[in-house]
């Protein structure tokens, strides 16, 4: 089981470990959407600092129904004790 907090903006926040596949991970606070579908958004500075490899582009639908293009990078995440 994972534990987190709810901040003043009513956002659910969990600490997750993220990094390159097969490399050490760093702990980050992640805001988890109630419609969580296994993707995490990271600031470009974190992606660059970790040297995450670019994977592909994809179109995602936001909560307001608009569509945006996302750059997808490969990473490994420790989620509920499992990679």
N, C-alpha and C. Protein backbone atom coordinates (compact mmCIF):
# COMPACT_ATOMS: atom_id res chain seq x y z
N UNK A 1 0.84 -1.17 0.00
CA UNK A 1 0.00 0.00 0.00
C UNK A 1 0.89 1.24 0.00
N UNK A 2 0.46 2.25 -0.71
CA UNK A 2 1.20 3.50 -0.79
C UNK A 2 0.46 4.56 0.03
N UNK A 3 1.25 5.43 0.67
CA UNK A 3 0.68 6.50 1.46
C UNK A 3 1.17 7.83 0.92
N UNK A 4 0.35 8.83 1.01
CA UNK A 4 0.73 10.16 0.56
C UNK A 4 0.00 11.20 1.36
N UNK A 5 -0.08 12.38 0.80
CA UNK A 5 -0.77 13.49 1.45
C UNK A 5 -1.65 14.18 0.42
N UNK A 6 -2.58 14.95 0.93
CA UNK A 6 -3.41 15.82 0.09
C UNK A 6 -3.01 17.24 0.45
N UNK A 7 -2.59 18.02 -0.55
CA UNK A 7 -2.11 19.38 -0.28
C UNK A 7 -3.27 20.38 -0.21
N UNK A 8 -2.92 21.64 -0.03
CA UNK A 8 -3.95 22.69 0.10
C UNK A 8 -4.77 22.89 -1.17
N UNK A 9 -4.27 22.40 -2.31
CA UNK A 9 -5.01 22.48 -3.57
C UNK A 9 -5.83 21.22 -3.84
N UNK A 10 -5.96 20.37 -2.80
CA UNK A 10 -6.70 19.10 -2.91
C UNK A 10 -6.09 18.15 -3.91
N UNK A 11 -4.75 18.20 -4.07
CA UNK A 11 -4.04 17.29 -4.97
C UNK A 11 -3.44 16.15 -4.15
N UNK A 12 -3.62 14.92 -4.63
CA UNK A 12 -3.03 13.75 -3.97
C UNK A 12 -1.57 13.66 -4.38
N UNK A 13 -0.66 13.60 -3.39
CA UNK A 13 0.77 13.57 -3.66
C UNK A 13 1.38 12.32 -3.05
N UNK A 14 2.11 11.57 -3.88
CA UNK A 14 2.84 10.38 -3.46
C UNK A 14 4.31 10.56 -3.77
N UNK A 15 5.17 9.97 -2.96
CA UNK A 15 6.60 9.96 -3.26
C UNK A 15 6.88 8.71 -4.08
N UNK A 16 7.51 8.90 -5.24
CA UNK A 16 7.89 7.77 -6.11
C UNK A 16 9.37 7.89 -6.44
N UNK A 17 9.97 6.77 -6.77
CA UNK A 17 11.37 6.73 -7.18
C UNK A 17 11.41 6.57 -8.70
N UNK A 18 12.14 7.46 -9.38
CA UNK A 18 12.18 7.51 -10.84
C UNK A 18 13.62 7.57 -11.31
N UNK A 19 13.90 6.93 -12.43
CA UNK A 19 15.24 7.01 -13.01
C UNK A 19 15.34 6.21 -14.29
N UNK A 20 16.54 6.19 -14.85
CA UNK A 20 16.79 5.39 -16.04
C UNK A 20 16.64 3.91 -15.69
N UNK A 21 16.22 3.14 -16.65
CA UNK A 21 16.10 1.69 -16.46
C UNK A 21 17.48 1.13 -16.14
N UNK A 22 17.58 0.37 -15.05
CA UNK A 22 18.84 -0.23 -14.64
C UNK A 22 19.79 0.70 -13.92
N UNK A 23 19.35 1.91 -13.58
CA UNK A 23 20.20 2.89 -12.89
C UNK A 23 19.56 3.27 -11.56
N UNK A 24 20.35 3.91 -10.68
CA UNK A 24 19.78 4.37 -9.41
C UNK A 24 18.62 5.35 -9.65
N UNK A 25 17.69 5.38 -8.72
CA UNK A 25 16.50 6.22 -8.82
C UNK A 25 16.62 7.42 -7.87
N UNK A 26 15.84 8.46 -8.18
CA UNK A 26 15.72 9.59 -7.26
C UNK A 26 14.27 9.68 -6.81
N UNK A 27 14.06 10.11 -5.59
CA UNK A 27 12.71 10.24 -5.04
C UNK A 27 12.12 11.57 -5.45
N UNK A 28 10.89 11.53 -5.96
CA UNK A 28 10.18 12.73 -6.38
C UNK A 28 8.76 12.69 -5.83
N UNK A 29 8.22 13.87 -5.55
CA UNK A 29 6.81 13.96 -5.21
C UNK A 29 6.02 14.01 -6.50
N UNK A 30 5.01 13.14 -6.60
CA UNK A 30 4.19 13.08 -7.81
C UNK A 30 2.74 13.41 -7.45
N UNK A 31 2.13 14.29 -8.22
CA UNK A 31 0.71 14.58 -8.06
C UNK A 31 -0.02 13.54 -8.91
N UNK A 32 -0.86 12.77 -8.26
CA UNK A 32 -1.54 11.67 -8.92
C UNK A 32 -2.96 12.08 -9.29
N UNK A 33 -3.28 11.97 -10.56
CA UNK A 33 -4.62 12.27 -11.06
C UNK A 33 -5.53 11.08 -10.74
N UNK A 34 -6.80 11.36 -10.46
CA UNK A 34 -7.73 10.27 -10.17
C UNK A 34 -7.93 9.36 -11.37
N UNK A 35 -7.62 9.84 -12.56
CA UNK A 35 -7.71 9.02 -13.77
C UNK A 35 -6.36 8.46 -14.15
N UNK A 36 -5.47 8.22 -13.19
CA UNK A 36 -4.09 7.78 -13.43
C UNK A 36 -4.05 6.57 -14.36
N UNK A 37 -3.26 6.69 -15.45
CA UNK A 37 -3.19 5.63 -16.45
C UNK A 37 -1.78 5.12 -16.68
N UNK A 38 -0.93 5.21 -15.68
CA UNK A 38 0.43 4.67 -15.68
C UNK A 38 1.48 5.58 -16.30
N UNK A 39 1.15 6.79 -16.66
CA UNK A 39 2.13 7.75 -17.15
C UNK A 39 2.33 8.83 -16.10
N UNK A 40 3.57 9.29 -15.95
CA UNK A 40 3.87 10.41 -15.08
C UNK A 40 4.41 11.55 -15.91
N UNK A 41 4.07 12.76 -15.55
CA UNK A 41 4.63 13.94 -16.20
C UNK A 41 5.79 14.45 -15.36
N UNK A 42 6.91 14.72 -16.01
CA UNK A 42 8.08 15.24 -15.32
C UNK A 42 8.51 16.55 -15.96
N UNK A 43 9.04 17.47 -15.17
CA UNK A 43 9.61 18.68 -15.77
C UNK A 43 10.77 18.31 -16.69
N UNK A 44 10.93 19.07 -17.77
CA UNK A 44 12.02 18.80 -18.72
C UNK A 44 13.38 18.83 -18.02
N UNK A 45 13.54 19.68 -17.01
CA UNK A 45 14.81 19.75 -16.30
C UNK A 45 15.13 18.42 -15.61
N UNK A 46 14.13 17.74 -15.07
CA UNK A 46 14.34 16.44 -14.43
C UNK A 46 14.67 15.39 -15.48
N UNK A 47 13.97 15.40 -16.60
CA UNK A 47 14.23 14.46 -17.70
C UNK A 47 15.66 14.63 -18.18
N UNK A 48 16.09 15.87 -18.35
CA UNK A 48 17.45 16.16 -18.82
C UNK A 48 18.49 15.75 -17.79
N UNK A 49 18.27 16.11 -16.52
CA UNK A 49 19.22 15.77 -15.46
C UNK A 49 19.41 14.26 -15.33
N UNK A 50 18.35 13.49 -15.51
CA UNK A 50 18.44 12.03 -15.40
C UNK A 50 18.92 11.39 -16.70
N UNK A 51 18.94 12.16 -17.78
CA UNK A 51 19.36 11.62 -19.07
C UNK A 51 18.40 10.57 -19.61
N UNK A 52 17.10 10.79 -19.40
CA UNK A 52 16.12 9.81 -19.88
C UNK A 52 16.08 9.80 -21.40
N UNK A 53 16.07 8.62 -22.00
CA UNK A 53 16.03 8.55 -23.47
C UNK A 53 14.64 8.83 -24.02
N UNK A 54 14.59 9.63 -25.10
CA UNK A 54 13.33 9.92 -25.78
C UNK A 54 12.81 8.64 -26.40
N UNK A 55 11.49 8.44 -26.37
CA UNK A 55 10.89 7.21 -26.90
C UNK A 55 9.98 7.48 -28.11
N UNK A 56 9.00 8.37 -27.95
CA UNK A 56 8.09 8.72 -29.04
C UNK A 56 7.20 9.89 -28.64
N UNK A 57 6.40 10.39 -29.57
CA UNK A 57 5.39 11.41 -29.30
C UNK A 57 4.02 10.74 -29.32
N UNK A 58 3.11 11.30 -28.51
CA UNK A 58 1.76 10.77 -28.50
C UNK A 58 0.79 11.91 -28.23
N UNK A 59 -0.45 11.72 -28.61
CA UNK A 59 -1.49 12.71 -28.36
C UNK A 59 -2.26 12.27 -27.13
N UNK A 60 -2.45 13.21 -26.21
CA UNK A 60 -3.20 12.93 -24.99
C UNK A 60 -4.38 13.88 -24.89
N UNK A 61 -5.44 13.40 -24.26
CA UNK A 61 -6.64 14.20 -24.05
C UNK A 61 -6.64 14.70 -22.61
N UNK A 62 -6.75 16.00 -22.44
CA UNK A 62 -6.78 16.61 -21.12
C UNK A 62 -8.19 16.57 -20.54
N UNK A 63 -8.31 16.92 -19.27
CA UNK A 63 -9.59 16.87 -18.58
C UNK A 63 -10.66 17.72 -19.21
N UNK A 64 -10.25 18.81 -19.91
CA UNK A 64 -11.24 19.69 -20.55
C UNK A 64 -11.59 19.23 -21.97
N UNK A 65 -11.04 18.07 -22.37
CA UNK A 65 -11.34 17.52 -23.70
C UNK A 65 -10.38 17.96 -24.78
N UNK A 66 -9.51 18.93 -24.51
CA UNK A 66 -8.55 19.36 -25.52
C UNK A 66 -7.45 18.31 -25.67
N UNK A 67 -6.83 18.29 -26.84
CA UNK A 67 -5.75 17.34 -27.12
C UNK A 67 -4.43 18.07 -27.22
N UNK A 68 -3.38 17.44 -26.68
CA UNK A 68 -2.03 18.00 -26.74
C UNK A 68 -1.06 16.89 -27.13
N UNK A 69 0.09 17.31 -27.67
CA UNK A 69 1.14 16.35 -28.03
C UNK A 69 2.10 16.24 -26.85
N UNK A 70 2.39 15.03 -26.43
CA UNK A 70 3.33 14.75 -25.35
C UNK A 70 4.57 14.09 -25.91
N UNK A 71 5.72 14.49 -25.39
CA UNK A 71 6.98 13.81 -25.66
C UNK A 71 7.10 12.71 -24.61
N UNK A 72 7.31 11.48 -25.04
CA UNK A 72 7.38 10.34 -24.13
C UNK A 72 8.84 9.89 -24.00
N UNK A 73 9.30 9.78 -22.77
CA UNK A 73 10.66 9.33 -22.47
C UNK A 73 10.58 8.04 -21.68
N UNK A 74 11.57 7.17 -21.86
CA UNK A 74 11.60 5.91 -21.11
C UNK A 74 12.22 6.13 -19.74
N UNK A 75 11.57 5.56 -18.73
CA UNK A 75 12.08 5.63 -17.36
C UNK A 75 11.55 4.43 -16.60
N UNK A 76 12.15 4.21 -15.47
CA UNK A 76 11.70 3.17 -14.56
C UNK A 76 11.19 3.86 -13.31
N UNK A 77 10.07 3.37 -12.77
CA UNK A 77 9.46 3.95 -11.58
C UNK A 77 9.24 2.83 -10.56
N UNK A 78 9.57 3.11 -9.31
CA UNK A 78 9.23 2.18 -8.23
C UNK A 78 7.86 2.60 -7.74
N UNK A 79 6.88 1.73 -7.93
CA UNK A 79 5.49 2.03 -7.60
C UNK A 79 4.99 0.93 -6.66
N UNK A 80 4.63 1.31 -5.47
CA UNK A 80 4.14 0.36 -4.47
C UNK A 80 5.13 -0.80 -4.28
N UNK A 81 6.43 -0.45 -4.27
CA UNK A 81 7.48 -1.43 -4.02
C UNK A 81 7.90 -2.26 -5.22
N UNK A 82 7.28 -2.02 -6.38
CA UNK A 82 7.61 -2.80 -7.57
C UNK A 82 8.09 -1.88 -8.68
N UNK A 83 9.09 -2.36 -9.44
CA UNK A 83 9.61 -1.56 -10.56
C UNK A 83 8.72 -1.73 -11.76
